[in-house]
Amino acid sequence: MPRAATTTDVFNAIAEPRRREIIDVLFDGKARAVGEIIESIGLPQSAVSKHLSVLRKVGIVSVTKHGQLRLYRLQPAELQPVADWVKKYERFWTHQLNRIKERAERKVQTTQQTKDKEK
């Protein structure tokens, strides 16, 4: 079964770990030149440019020209479909965290009861 093109939607675009690294670099909302992104993640310029092109095509980053520089900025609203999809599954890990908390509290209580009996 052929894979969907990486530029068809935000899910395909962020499936690539290096693109998520680029998103992390741009997370603070500041516009950054390609050189700054290269410095942050340590990929060759050609690879970073290709990844930025994919992210730009799906709208996750925008680009503006400032003289000779192209400055890239994160467009976080475009990640909303991912957040909405993940939100449906949040109850599973929330439930798991609640169970871990309950076990820890029972263990503390049992330990305290044992100490009280020893006194």
PDB file of N, CA and C in Angstrom:
ATOM      1  N   MET A   1       0.852  -1.177   0.000  1.00  0.00           N
ATOM      2  CA  MET A   1       0.000   0.000   0.000  1.00  0.00           C
ATOM      3  C   MET A   1       0.899   1.242   0.000  1.00  0.00           C
ATOM      4  N   PRO A   2       0.754   2.124  -0.946  1.00  0.00           N
ATOM      5  CA  PRO A   2       1.610   3.308  -1.007  1.00  0.00           C
ATOM      6  C   PRO A   2       1.301   4.274   0.133  1.00  0.00           C
ATOM      7  N   ARG A   3       2.354   4.921   0.597  1.00  0.00           N
ATOM      8  CA  ARG A   3       2.194   5.921   1.651  1.00  0.00           C
ATOM      9  C   ARG A   3       1.624   7.211   1.078  1.00  0.00           C
ATOM     10  N   ALA A   4       0.886   7.925   1.914  1.00  0.00           N
ATOM     11  CA  ALA A   4       0.365   9.230   1.508  1.00  0.00           C
ATOM     12  C   ALA A   4       1.526  10.211   1.410  1.00  0.00           C
ATOM     13  N   ALA A   5       1.409  11.145   0.523  1.00  0.00           N
ATOM     14  CA  ALA A   5       2.438  12.168   0.380  1.00  0.00           C
ATOM     15  C   ALA A   5       2.558  12.953   1.676  1.00  0.00           C
ATOM     16  N   THR A   6       3.794  13.334   2.007  1.00  0.00           N
ATOM     17  CA  THR A   6       4.020  14.055   3.259  1.00  0.00           C
ATOM     18  C   THR A   6       3.387  15.425   3.258  1.00  0.00           C
ATOM     19  N   THR A   7       3.012  15.917   2.109  1.00  0.00           N
ATOM     20  CA  THR A   7       2.420  17.259   2.031  1.00  0.00           C
ATOM     21  C   THR A   7       0.898  17.231   1.950  1.00  0.00           C
ATOM     22  N   THR A   8       0.284  16.081   2.191  1.00  0.00           N
ATOM     23  CA  THR A   8      -1.174  16.026   2.099  1.00  0.00           C
ATOM     24  C   THR A   8      -1.858  16.554   3.345  1.00  0.00           C
ATOM     25  N   ASP A   9      -1.259  16.346   4.513  1.00  0.00           N
ATOM     26  CA  ASP A   9      -1.861  16.857   5.743  1.00  0.00           C
ATOM     27  C   ASP A   9      -0.819  16.946   6.847  1.00  0.00           C
ATOM     28  N   VAL A  10      -1.231  17.557   7.934  1.00  0.00           N
ATOM     29  CA  VAL A  10      -0.319  17.805   9.048  1.00  0.00           C
ATOM     30  C   VAL A  10       0.181  16.503   9.677  1.00  0.00           C
ATOM     31  N   PHE A  11      -0.640  15.471   9.708  1.00  0.00           N
ATOM     32  CA  PHE A  11      -0.235  14.198  10.312  1.00  0.00           C
ATOM     33  C   PHE A  11       0.937  13.579   9.552  1.00  0.00           C
ATOM     34  N   ASN A  12       0.843  13.565   8.248  1.00  0.00           N
ATOM     35  CA  ASN A  12       1.934  13.020   7.448  1.00  0.00           C
ATOM     36  C   ASN A  12       3.192  13.879   7.569  1.00  0.00           C
ATOM     37  N   ALA A  13       3.014  15.176   7.624  1.00  0.00           N
ATOM     38  CA  ALA A  13       4.170  16.067   7.708  1.00  0.00           C
ATOM     39  C   ALA A  13       4.930  15.882   9.012  1.00  0.00           C
ATOM     40  N   ILE A  14       4.222  15.713  10.123  1.00  0.00           N
ATOM     41  CA  ILE A  14       4.920  15.593  11.407  1.00  0.00           C
ATOM     42  C   ILE A  14       5.313  14.157  11.738  1.00  0.00           C
ATOM     43  N   ALA A  15       5.004  13.225  10.847  1.00  0.00           N
ATOM     44  CA  ALA A  15       5.413  11.840  11.075  1.00  0.00           C
ATOM     45  C   ALA A  15       6.936  11.691  11.059  1.00  0.00           C
ATOM     46  N   GLU A  16       7.608  12.570  10.377  1.00  0.00           N
ATOM     47  CA  GLU A  16       9.072  12.543  10.278  1.00  0.00           C
ATOM     48  C   GLU A  16       9.682  13.174  11.535  1.00  0.00           C
ATOM     49  N   PRO A  17      10.497  12.427  12.280  1.00  0.00           N
ATOM     50  CA  PRO A  17      11.083  12.954  13.522  1.00  0.00           C
ATOM     51  C   PRO A  17      11.891  14.239  13.342  1.00  0.00           C
ATOM     52  N   ARG A  18      12.597  14.377  12.231  1.00  0.00           N
ATOM     53  CA  ARG A  18      13.389  15.593  12.012  1.00  0.00           C
ATOM     54  C   ARG A  18      12.498  16.815  11.844  1.00  0.00           C
ATOM     55  N   ARG A  19      11.319  16.634  11.288  1.00  0.00           N
ATOM     56  CA  ARG A  19      10.398  17.767  11.152  1.00  0.00           C
ATOM     57  C   ARG A  19       9.870  18.176  12.521  1.00  0.00           C
ATOM     58  N   ARG A  20       9.660  17.188  13.374  1.00  0.00           N
ATOM     59  CA  ARG A  20       9.236  17.525  14.733  1.00  0.00           C
ATOM     60  C   ARG A  20      10.343  18.267  15.474  1.00  0.00           C
ATOM     61  N   GLU A  21      11.592  17.932  15.197  1.00  0.00           N
ATOM     62  CA  GLU A  21      12.714  18.667  15.791  1.00  0.00           C
ATOM     63  C   GLU A  21      12.699  20.126  15.327  1.00  0.00           C
ATOM     64  N   ILE A  22      12.425  20.330  14.055  1.00  0.00           N
ATOM     65  CA  ILE A  22      12.341  21.696  13.526  1.00  0.00           C
ATOM     66  C   ILE A  22      11.205  22.456  14.210  1.00  0.00           C
ATOM     67  N   ILE A  23      10.079  21.806  14.370  1.00  0.00           N
ATOM     68  CA  ILE A  23       8.950  22.427  15.070  1.00  0.00           C
ATOM     69  C   ILE A  23       9.370  22.805  16.486  1.00  0.00           C
ATOM     70  N   ASP A  24      10.108  21.931  17.150  1.00  0.00           N
ATOM     71  CA  ASP A  24      10.585  22.229  18.506  1.00  0.00           C
ATOM     72  C   ASP A  24      11.501  23.453  18.521  1.00  0.00           C
ATOM     73  N   VAL A  25      12.333  23.596  17.509  1.00  0.00           N
ATOM     74  CA  VAL A  25      13.224  24.759  17.425  1.00  0.00           C
ATOM     75  C   VAL A  25      12.401  26.036  17.278  1.00  0.00           C
ATOM     76  N   LEU A  26      11.308  25.959  16.552  1.00  0.00           N
ATOM     77  CA  LEU A  26      10.472  27.136  16.282  1.00  0.00           C
ATOM     78  C   LEU A  26       9.377  27.350  17.329  1.00  0.00           C
ATOM     79  N   PHE A  27       9.355  26.514  18.330  1.00  0.00           N
ATOM     80  CA  PHE A  27       8.280  26.505  19.326  1.00  0.00           C
ATOM     81  C   PHE A  27       8.063  27.846  20.017  1.00  0.00           C
ATOM     82  N   ASP A  28       9.119  28.609  20.239  1.00  0.00           N
ATOM     83  CA  ASP A  28       8.996  29.859  20.999  1.00  0.00           C
ATOM     84  C   ASP A  28       8.342  30.993  20.205  1.00  0.00           C
ATOM     85  N   GLY A  29       8.017  30.751  18.950  1.00  0.00           N
ATOM     86  CA  GLY A  29       7.320  31.749  18.151  1.00  0.00           C
ATOM     87  C   GLY A  29       8.216  32.737  17.423  1.00  0.00           C
ATOM     88  N   LYS A  30       9.515  32.660  17.670  1.00  0.00           N
ATOM     89  CA  LYS A  30      10.441  33.571  16.992  1.00  0.00           C
ATOM     90  C   LYS A  30      10.704  33.095  15.571  1.00  0.00           C
ATOM     91  N   ALA A  31      10.881  34.043  14.680  1.00  0.00           N
ATOM     92  CA  ALA A  31      11.242  33.715  13.299  1.00  0.00           C
ATOM     93  C   ALA A  31      12.729  33.382  13.269  1.00  0.00           C
ATOM     94  N   ARG A  32      13.059  32.322  12.552  1.00  0.00           N
ATOM     95  CA  ARG A  32      14.452  31.885  12.490  1.00  0.00           C
ATOM     96  C   ARG A  32      14.866  31.632  11.048  1.00  0.00           C
ATOM     97  N   ALA A  33      16.117  31.972  10.779  1.00  0.00           N
ATOM     98  CA  ALA A  33      16.700  31.683   9.473  1.00  0.00           C
ATOM     99  C   ALA A  33      17.097  30.207   9.425  1.00  0.00           C
ATOM    100  N   VAL A  34      17.238  29.682   8.227  1.00  0.00           N
ATOM    101  CA  VAL A  34      17.624  28.286   8.037  1.00  0.00           C
ATOM    102  C   VAL A  34      18.919  27.982   8.790  1.00  0.00           C
ATOM    103  N   GLY A  35      19.873  28.917   8.749  1.00  0.00           N
ATOM    104  CA  GLY A  35      21.150  28.703   9.429  1.00  0.00           C
ATOM    105  C   GLY A  35      21.000  28.448  10.913  1.00  0.00           C
ATOM    106  N   GLU A  36      20.074  29.142  11.551  1.00  0.00           N
ATOM    107  CA  GLU A  36      19.826  28.937  12.978  1.00  0.00           C
ATOM    108  C   GLU A  36      19.234  27.551  13.240  1.00  0.00           C
ATOM    109  N   ILE A  37      18.359  27.130  12.361  1.00  0.00           N
ATOM    110  CA  ILE A  37      17.735  25.806  12.514  1.00  0.00           C
ATOM    111  C   ILE A  37      18.782  24.721  12.312  1.00  0.00           C
ATOM    112  N   ILE A  38      19.630  24.903  11.302  1.00  0.00           N
ATOM    113  CA  ILE A  38      20.716  23.947  11.034  1.00  0.00           C
ATOM    114  C   ILE A  38      21.598  23.807  12.269  1.00  0.00           C
ATOM    115  N   GLU A  39      21.941  24.946  12.860  1.00  0.00           N
ATOM    116  CA  GLU A  39      22.788  24.959  14.046  1.00  0.00           C
ATOM    117  C   GLU A  39      22.138  24.202  15.205  1.00  0.00           C
ATOM    118  N   SER A  40      20.840  24.348  15.341  1.00  0.00           N
ATOM    119  CA  SER A  40      20.120  23.727  16.454  1.00  0.00           C
ATOM    120  C   SER A  40      19.997  22.219  16.328  1.00  0.00           C
ATOM    121  N   ILE A  41      19.791  21.728  15.106  1.00  0.00           N
ATOM    122  CA  ILE A  41      19.538  20.288  14.977  1.00  0.00           C
ATOM    123  C   ILE A  41      20.652  19.518  14.290  1.00  0.00           C
ATOM    124  N   GLY A  42      21.597  20.220  13.683  1.00  0.00           N
ATOM    125  CA  GLY A  42      22.769  19.544  13.128  1.00  0.00           C
ATOM    126  C   GLY A  42      22.552  18.749  11.856  1.00  0.00           C
ATOM    127  N   LEU A  43      21.616  19.153  11.049  1.00  0.00           N
ATOM    128  CA  LEU A  43      21.397  18.512   9.746  1.00  0.00           C
ATOM    129  C   LEU A  43      21.995  19.388   8.652  1.00  0.00           C
ATOM    130  N   PRO A  44      22.311  18.801   7.514  1.00  0.00           N
ATOM    131  CA  PRO A  44      22.789  19.621   6.392  1.00  0.00           C
ATOM    132  C   PRO A  44      21.707  20.588   5.915  1.00  0.00           C
ATOM    133  N   GLN A  45      22.146  21.678   5.323  1.00  0.00           N
ATOM    134  CA  GLN A  45      21.230  22.710   4.848  1.00  0.00           C
ATOM    135  C   GLN A  45      20.191  22.157   3.882  1.00  0.00           C
ATOM    136  N   SER A  46      20.603  21.283   2.995  1.00  0.00           N
ATOM    137  CA  SER A  46      19.653  20.749   2.005  1.00  0.00           C
ATOM    138  C   SER A  46      18.534  19.957   2.678  1.00  0.00           C
ATOM    139  N   ALA A  47      18.871  19.193   3.695  1.00  0.00           N
ATOM    140  CA  ALA A  47      17.856  18.400   4.404  1.00  0.00           C
ATOM    141  C   ALA A  47      16.893  19.311   5.155  1.00  0.00           C
ATOM    142  N   VAL A  48      17.427  20.309   5.847  1.00  0.00           N
ATOM    143  CA  VAL A  48      16.578  21.246   6.588  1.00  0.00           C
ATOM    144  C   VAL A  48      15.648  21.982   5.631  1.00  0.00           C
ATOM    145  N   SER A  49      16.177  22.415   4.507  1.00  0.00           N
ATOM    146  CA  SER A  49      15.345  23.123   3.526  1.00  0.00           C
ATOM    147  C   SER A  49      14.217  22.244   3.002  1.00  0.00           C
ATOM    148  N   LYS A  50      14.502  20.977   2.753  1.00  0.00           N
ATOM    149  CA  LYS A  50      13.448  20.056   2.283  1.00  0.00           C
ATOM    150  C   LYS A  50      12.375  19.871   3.347  1.00  0.00           C
ATOM    151  N   HIS A  51      12.808  19.690   4.591  1.00  0.00           N
ATOM    152  CA  HIS A  51      11.837  19.525   5.675  1.00  0.00           C
ATOM    153  C   HIS A  51      11.005  20.793   5.862  1.00  0.00           C
ATOM    154  N   LEU A  52      11.641  21.939   5.793  1.00  0.00           N
ATOM    155  CA  LEU A  52      10.904  23.200   5.912  1.00  0.00           C
ATOM    156  C   LEU A  52       9.898  23.368   4.780  1.00  0.00           C
ATOM    157  N   SER A  53      10.259  22.910   3.600  1.00  0.00           N
ATOM    158  CA  SER A  53       9.353  22.989   2.462  1.00  0.00           C
ATOM    159  C   SER A  53       8.086  22.177   2.725  1.00  0.00           C
ATOM    160  N   VAL A  54       8.245  20.987   3.268  1.00  0.00           N
ATOM    161  CA  VAL A  54       7.079  20.152   3.593  1.00  0.00           C
ATOM    162  C   VAL A  54       6.227  20.836   4.653  1.00  0.00           C
ATOM    163  N   LEU A  55       6.877  21.331   5.708  1.00  0.00           N
ATOM    164  CA  LEU A  55       6.133  21.989   6.781  1.00  0.00           C
ATOM    165  C   LEU A  55       5.419  23.237   6.277  1.00  0.00           C
ATOM    166  N   ARG A  56       6.029  23.937   5.362  1.00  0.00           N
ATOM    167  CA  ARG A  56       5.413  25.139   4.787  1.00  0.00           C
ATOM    168  C   ARG A  56       4.206  24.774   3.930  1.00  0.00           C
ATOM    169  N   LYS A  57       4.326  23.707   3.143  1.00  0.00           N
ATOM    170  CA  LYS A  57       3.219  23.315   2.252  1.00  0.00           C
ATOM    171  C   LYS A  57       1.955  22.935   3.022  1.00  0.00           C
ATOM    172  N   VAL A  58       2.108  22.386   4.218  1.00  0.00           N
ATOM    173  CA  VAL A  58       0.916  22.044   5.006  1.00  0.00           C
ATOM    174  C   VAL A  58       0.530  23.158   5.977  1.00  0.00           C
ATOM    175  N   GLY A  59       1.302  24.243   5.970  1.00  0.00           N
ATOM    176  CA  GLY A  59       0.939  25.415   6.762  1.00  0.00           C
ATOM    177  C   GLY A  59       1.471  25.451   8.181  1.00  0.00           C
ATOM    178  N   ILE A  60       2.290  24.488   8.575  1.00  0.00           N
ATOM    179  CA  ILE A  60       2.804  24.454   9.939  1.00  0.00           C
ATOM    180  C   ILE A  60       3.824  25.561  10.182  1.00  0.00           C
ATOM    181  N   VAL A  61       4.558  25.935   9.143  1.00  0.00           N
ATOM    182  CA  VAL A  61       5.469  27.070   9.246  1.00  0.00           C
ATOM    183  C   VAL A  61       5.146  28.050   8.126  1.00  0.00           C
ATOM    184  N   SER A  62       5.446  29.303   8.407  1.00  0.00           N
ATOM    185  CA  SER A  62       5.332  30.330   7.373  1.00  0.00           C
ATOM    186  C   SER A  62       6.727  30.866   7.116  1.00  0.00           C
ATOM    187  N   VAL A  63       6.907  31.493   5.970  1.00  0.00           N
ATOM    188  CA  VAL A  63       8.214  32.047   5.619  1.00  0.00           C
ATOM    189  C   VAL A  63       8.039  33.485   5.159  1.00  0.00           C
ATOM    190  N   THR A  64       8.956  34.325   5.601  1.00  0.00           N
ATOM    191  CA  THR A  64       8.995  35.713   5.133  1.00  0.00           C
ATOM    192  C   THR A  64      10.423  36.010   4.707  1.00  0.00           C
ATOM    193  N   LYS A  65      10.557  36.898   3.752  1.00  0.00           N
ATOM    194  CA  LYS A  65      11.890  37.305   3.311  1.00  0.00           C
ATOM    195  C   LYS A  65      12.297  38.561   4.065  1.00  0.00           C
ATOM    196  N   HIS A  66      13.516  38.560   4.496  1.00  0.00           N
ATOM    197  CA  HIS A  66      14.098  39.730   5.162  1.00  0.00           C
ATOM    198  C   HIS A  66      15.463  39.934   4.527  1.00  0.00           C
ATOM    199  N   GLY A  67      15.499  40.752   3.487  1.00  0.00           N
ATOM    200  CA  GLY A  67      16.734  40.891   2.719  1.00  0.00           C
ATOM    201  C   GLY A  67      17.022  39.573   2.005  1.00  0.00           C
ATOM    202  N   GLN A  68      18.212  39.047   2.207  1.00  0.00           N
ATOM    203  CA  GLN A  68      18.601  37.764   1.608  1.00  0.00           C
ATOM    204  C   GLN A  68      18.082  36.568   2.404  1.00  0.00           C
ATOM    205  N   LEU A  69      17.677  36.806   3.642  1.00  0.00           N
ATOM    206  CA  LEU A  69      17.257  35.709   4.521  1.00  0.00           C
ATOM    207  C   LEU A  69      15.794  35.347   4.339  1.00  0.00           C
ATOM    208  N   ARG A  70      15.540  34.075   4.490  1.00  0.00           N
ATOM    209  CA  ARG A  70      14.168  33.582   4.600  1.00  0.00           C
ATOM    210  C   ARG A  70      13.993  33.197   6.061  1.00  0.00           C
ATOM    211  N   LEU A  71      13.000  33.800   6.685  1.00  0.00           N
ATOM    212  CA  LEU A  71      12.755  33.548   8.099  1.00  0.00           C
ATOM    213  C   LEU A  71      11.510  32.681   8.258  1.00  0.00           C
ATOM    214  N   TYR A  72      11.667  31.623   9.048  1.00  0.00           N
ATOM    215  CA  TYR A  72      10.588  30.663   9.256  1.00  0.00           C
ATOM    216  C   TYR A  72      10.011  30.832  10.654  1.00  0.00           C
ATOM    217  N   ARG A  73       8.695  30.740  10.707  1.00  0.00           N
ATOM    218  CA  ARG A  73       7.990  30.896  11.984  1.00  0.00           C
ATOM    219  C   ARG A  73       6.924  29.794  12.091  1.00  0.00           C
ATOM    220  N   LEU A  74       6.781  29.254  13.274  1.00  0.00           N
ATOM    221  CA  LEU A  74       5.778  28.229  13.535  1.00  0.00           C
ATOM    222  C   LEU A  74       4.383  28.839  13.487  1.00  0.00           C
ATOM    223  N   GLN A  75       3.462  28.111  12.889  1.00  0.00           N
ATOM    224  CA  GLN A  75       2.043  28.472  12.872  1.00  0.00           C
ATOM    225  C   GLN A  75       1.315  27.408  13.704  1.00  0.00           C
ATOM    226  N   PRO A  76       1.334  27.551  15.028  1.00  0.00           N
ATOM    227  CA  PRO A  76       0.842  26.489  15.911  1.00  0.00           C
ATOM    228  C   PRO A  76      -0.628  26.126  15.715  1.00  0.00           C
ATOM    229  N   ALA A  77      -1.432  27.048  15.245  1.00  0.00           N
ATOM    230  CA  ALA A  77      -2.855  26.739  15.030  1.00  0.00           C
ATOM    231  C   ALA A  77      -3.039  25.606  14.031  1.00  0.00           C
ATOM    232  N   GLU A  78      -2.073  25.447  13.135  1.00  0.00           N
ATOM    233  CA  GLU A  78      -2.169  24.387  12.126  1.00  0.00           C
ATOM    234  C   GLU A  78      -1.959  23.000  12.729  1.00  0.00           C
ATOM    235  N   LEU A  79      -1.463  22.940  13.958  1.00  0.00           N
ATOM    236  CA  LEU A  79      -1.287  21.654  14.650  1.00  0.00           C
ATOM    237  C   LEU A  79      -2.553  21.246  15.408  1.00  0.00           C
ATOM    238  N   GLN A  80      -3.572  22.090  15.387  1.00  0.00           N
ATOM    239  CA  GLN A  80      -4.806  21.817  16.127  1.00  0.00           C
ATOM    240  C   GLN A  80      -5.453  20.477  15.764  1.00  0.00           C
ATOM    241  N   PRO A  81      -5.478  20.066  14.493  1.00  0.00           N
ATOM    242  CA  PRO A  81      -6.070  18.748  14.191  1.00  0.00           C
ATOM    243  C   PRO A  81      -5.370  17.607  14.936  1.00  0.00           C
ATOM    244  N   VAL A  82      -4.075  17.719  15.125  1.00  0.00           N
ATOM    245  CA  VAL A  82      -3.333  16.686  15.864  1.00  0.00           C
ATOM    246  C   VAL A  82      -3.759  16.714  17.326  1.00  0.00           C
ATOM    247  N   ALA A  83      -3.825  17.905  17.901  1.00  0.00           N
ATOM    248  CA  ALA A  83      -4.235  18.038  19.303  1.00  0.00           C
ATOM    249  C   ALA A  83      -5.649  17.505  19.508  1.00  0.00           C
ATOM    250  N   ASP A  84      -6.539  17.812  18.584  1.00  0.00           N
ATOM    251  CA  ASP A  84      -7.925  17.333  18.690  1.00  0.00           C
ATOM    252  C   ASP A  84      -7.989  15.816  18.640  1.00  0.00           C
ATOM    253  N   TRP A  85      -7.209  15.221  17.753  1.00  0.00           N
ATOM    254  CA  TRP A  85      -7.216  13.767  17.615  1.00  0.00           C
ATOM    255  C   TRP A  85      -6.645  13.104  18.863  1.00  0.00           C
ATOM    256  N   VAL A  86      -5.540  13.619  19.363  1.00  0.00           N
ATOM    257  CA  VAL A  86      -4.898  13.043  20.549  1.00  0.00           C
ATOM    258  C   VAL A  86      -5.786  13.205  21.775  1.00  0.00           C
ATOM    259  N   LYS A  87      -6.521  14.300  21.846  1.00  0.00           N
ATOM    260  CA  LYS A  87      -7.389  14.594  22.991  1.00  0.00           C
ATOM    261  C   LYS A  87      -8.365  13.442  23.265  1.00  0.00           C
ATOM    262  N   LYS A  88      -8.823  12.779  22.202  1.00  0.00           N
ATOM    263  CA  LYS A  88      -9.759  11.660  22.372  1.00  0.00           C
ATOM    264  C   LYS A  88      -9.143  10.543  23.216  1.00  0.00           C
ATOM    265  N   TYR A  89      -7.834  10.404  23.172  1.00  0.00           N
ATOM    266  CA  TYR A  89      -7.162   9.298  23.834  1.00  0.00           C
ATOM    267  C   TYR A  89      -6.576   9.681  25.188  1.00  0.00           C
ATOM    268  N   GLU A  90      -6.709  10.939  25.543  1.00  0.00           N
ATOM    269  CA  GLU A  90      -6.140  11.431  26.798  1.00  0.00           C
ATOM    270  C   GLU A  90      -6.680  10.666  28.004  1.00  0.00           C
ATOM    271  N   ARG A  91      -7.910  10.267  27.961  1.00  0.00           N
ATOM    272  CA  ARG A  91      -8.501   9.565  29.103  1.00  0.00           C
ATOM    273  C   ARG A  91      -7.762   8.273  29.420  1.00  0.00           C
ATOM    274  N   PHE A  92      -7.142   7.654  28.424  1.00  0.00           N
ATOM    275  CA  PHE A  92      -6.430   6.410  28.675  1.00  0.00           C
ATOM    276  C   PHE A  92      -5.200   6.630  29.543  1.00  0.00           C
ATOM    277  N   TRP A  93      -4.399   7.660  29.227  1.00  0.00           N
ATOM    278  CA  TRP A  93      -3.226   7.871  30.064  1.00  0.00           C
ATOM    279  C   TRP A  93      -3.588   8.590  31.357  1.00  0.00           C
ATOM    280  N   THR A  94      -4.667   9.370  31.365  1.00  0.00           N
ATOM    281  CA  THR A  94      -5.116   9.993  32.605  1.00  0.00           C
ATOM    282  C   THR A  94      -5.561   8.910  33.576  1.00  0.00           C
ATOM    283  N   HIS A  95      -6.307   7.933  33.073  1.00  0.00           N
ATOM    284  CA  HIS A  95      -6.761   6.813  33.894  1.00  0.00           C
ATOM    285  C   HIS A  95      -5.558   6.056  34.450  1.00  0.00           C
ATOM    286  N   GLN A  96      -4.570   5.817  33.598  1.00  0.00           N
ATOM    287  CA  GLN A  96      -3.377   5.098  34.020  1.00  0.00           C
ATOM    288  C   GLN A  96      -2.639   5.883  35.112  1.00  0.00           C
ATOM    289  N   LEU A  97      -2.511   7.180  34.969  1.00  0.00           N
ATOM    290  CA  LEU A  97      -1.854   8.005  35.986  1.00  0.00           C
ATOM    291  C   LEU A  97      -2.623   7.972  37.296  1.00  0.00           C
ATOM    292  N   ASN A  98      -3.933   7.991  37.214  1.00  0.00           N
ATOM    293  CA  ASN A  98      -4.740   7.901  38.433  1.00  0.00           C
ATOM    294  C   ASN A  98      -4.507   6.570  39.145  1.00  0.00           C
ATOM    295  N   ARG A  99      -4.410   5.492  38.402  1.00  0.00           N
ATOM    296  CA  ARG A  99      -4.144   4.179  38.999  1.00  0.00           C
ATOM    297  C   ARG A  99      -2.778   4.144  39.665  1.00  0.00           C
ATOM    298  N   ILE A 100      -1.778   4.720  39.017  1.00  0.00           N
ATOM    299  CA  ILE A 100      -0.430   4.765  39.600  1.00  0.00           C
ATOM    300  C   ILE A 100      -0.460   5.574  40.890  1.00  0.00           C
ATOM    301  N   LYS A 101      -1.162   6.693  40.882  1.00  0.00           N
ATOM    302  CA  LYS A 101      -1.267   7.536  42.074  1.00  0.00           C
ATOM    303  C   LYS A 101      -1.944   6.770  43.204  1.00  0.00           C
ATOM    304  N   GLU A 102      -3.025   6.074  42.901  1.00  0.00           N
ATOM    305  CA  GLU A 102      -3.740   5.307  43.926  1.00  0.00           C
ATOM    306  C   GLU A 102      -2.850   4.222  44.526  1.00  0.00           C
ATOM    307  N   ARG A 103      -2.089   3.518  43.685  1.00  0.00           N
ATOM    308  CA  ARG A 103      -1.175   2.488  44.186  1.00  0.00           C
ATOM    309  C   ARG A 103      -0.116   3.091  45.097  1.00  0.00           C
ATOM    310  N   ALA A 104       0.438   4.209  44.690  1.00  0.00           N
ATOM    311  CA  ALA A 104       1.468   4.869  45.502  1.00  0.00           C
ATOM    312  C   ALA A 104       0.891   5.299  46.839  1.00  0.00           C
ATOM    313  N   GLU A 105      -0.311   5.850  46.829  1.00  0.00           N
ATOM    314  CA  GLU A 105      -0.938   6.280  48.076  1.00  0.00           C
ATOM    315  C   GLU A 105      -1.230   5.099  48.986  1.00  0.00           C
ATOM    316  N   ARG A 106      -1.661   3.968  48.421  1.00  0.00           N
ATOM    317  CA  ARG A 106      -1.898   2.760  49.225  1.00  0.00           C
ATOM    318  C   ARG A 106      -0.590   2.260  49.831  1.00  0.00           C
ATOM    319  N   LYS A 107       0.469   2.305  49.042  1.00  0.00           N
ATOM    320  CA  LYS A 107       1.769   1.849  49.531  1.00  0.00           C
ATOM    321  C   LYS A 107       2.250   2.723  50.688  1.00  0.00           C
ATOM    322  N   VAL A 108       2.094   4.024  50.549  1.00  0.00           N
ATOM    323  CA  VAL A 108       2.481   4.940  51.627  1.00  0.00           C
ATOM    324  C   VAL A 108       1.655   4.651  52.874  1.00  0.00           C
ATOM    325  N   GLN A 109       0.363   4.435  52.682  1.00  0.00           N
ATOM    326  CA  GLN A 109      -0.528   4.157  53.804  1.00  0.00           C
ATOM    327  C   GLN A 109      -0.142   2.853  54.493  1.00  0.00           C
ATOM    328  N   THR A 110       0.148   1.811  53.714  1.00  0.00           N
ATOM    329  CA  THR A 110       0.554   0.520  54.268  1.00  0.00           C
ATOM    330  C   THR A 110       1.871   0.654  55.021  1.00  0.00           C
ATOM    331  N   THR A 111       2.808   1.377  54.455  1.00  0.00           N
ATOM    332  CA  THR A 111       4.106   1.595  55.104  1.00  0.00           C
ATOM    333  C   THR A 111       3.910   2.334  56.419  1.00  0.00           C
ATOM    334  N   GLN A 112       3.044   3.340  56.425  1.00  0.00           N
ATOM    335  CA  GLN A 112       2.786   4.110  57.630  1.00  0.00           C
ATOM    336  C   GLN A 112       2.138   3.226  58.694  1.00  0.00           C
ATOM    337  N   GLN A 113       1.202   2.380  58.295  1.00  0.00           N
ATOM    338  CA  GLN A 113       0.542   1.481  59.246  1.00  0.00           C
ATOM    339  C   GLN A 113       1.551   0.500  59.848  1.00  0.00           C
ATOM    340  N   THR A 114       2.461   0.010  59.040  1.00  0.00           N
ATOM    341  CA  THR A 114       3.492  -0.916  59.533  1.00  0.00           C
ATOM    342  C   THR A 114       4.377  -0.194  60.546  1.00  0.00           C
ATOM    343  N   LYS A 115       4.769   1.013  60.276  1.00  0.00           N
ATOM    344  CA  LYS A 115       5.595   1.793  61.202  1.00  0.00           C
ATOM    345  C   LYS A 115       4.864   2.062  62.500  1.00  0.00           C
ATOM    346  N   ASP A 116       3.558   2.364  62.394  1.00  0.00           N
ATOM    347  CA  ASP A 116       2.763   2.629  63.589  1.00  0.00           C
ATOM    348  C   ASP A 116       2.657   1.380  64.475  1.00  0.00           C
ATOM    349  N   LYS A 117       2.563   0.202  63.873  1.00  0.00           N
ATOM    350  CA  LYS A 117       2.469  -1.060  64.632  1.00  0.00           C
ATOM    351  C   LYS A 117       3.790  -1.362  65.332  1.00  0.00           C
ATOM    352  N   GLU A 118       4.884  -0.974  64.711  1.00  0.00           N
ATOM    353  CA  GLU A 118       6.208  -1.249  65.276  1.00  0.00           C
ATOM    354  C   GLU A 118       6.498  -0.373  66.495  1.00  0.00           C
ATOM    355  N   LYS A 119       5.793   0.708  66.643  1.00  0.00           N
ATOM    356  CA  LYS A 119       6.038   1.642  67.752  1.00  0.00           C
ATOM    357  C   LYS A 119       5.527   1.129  69.036  1.00  0.00           C
TER     358      LYS A 119
END
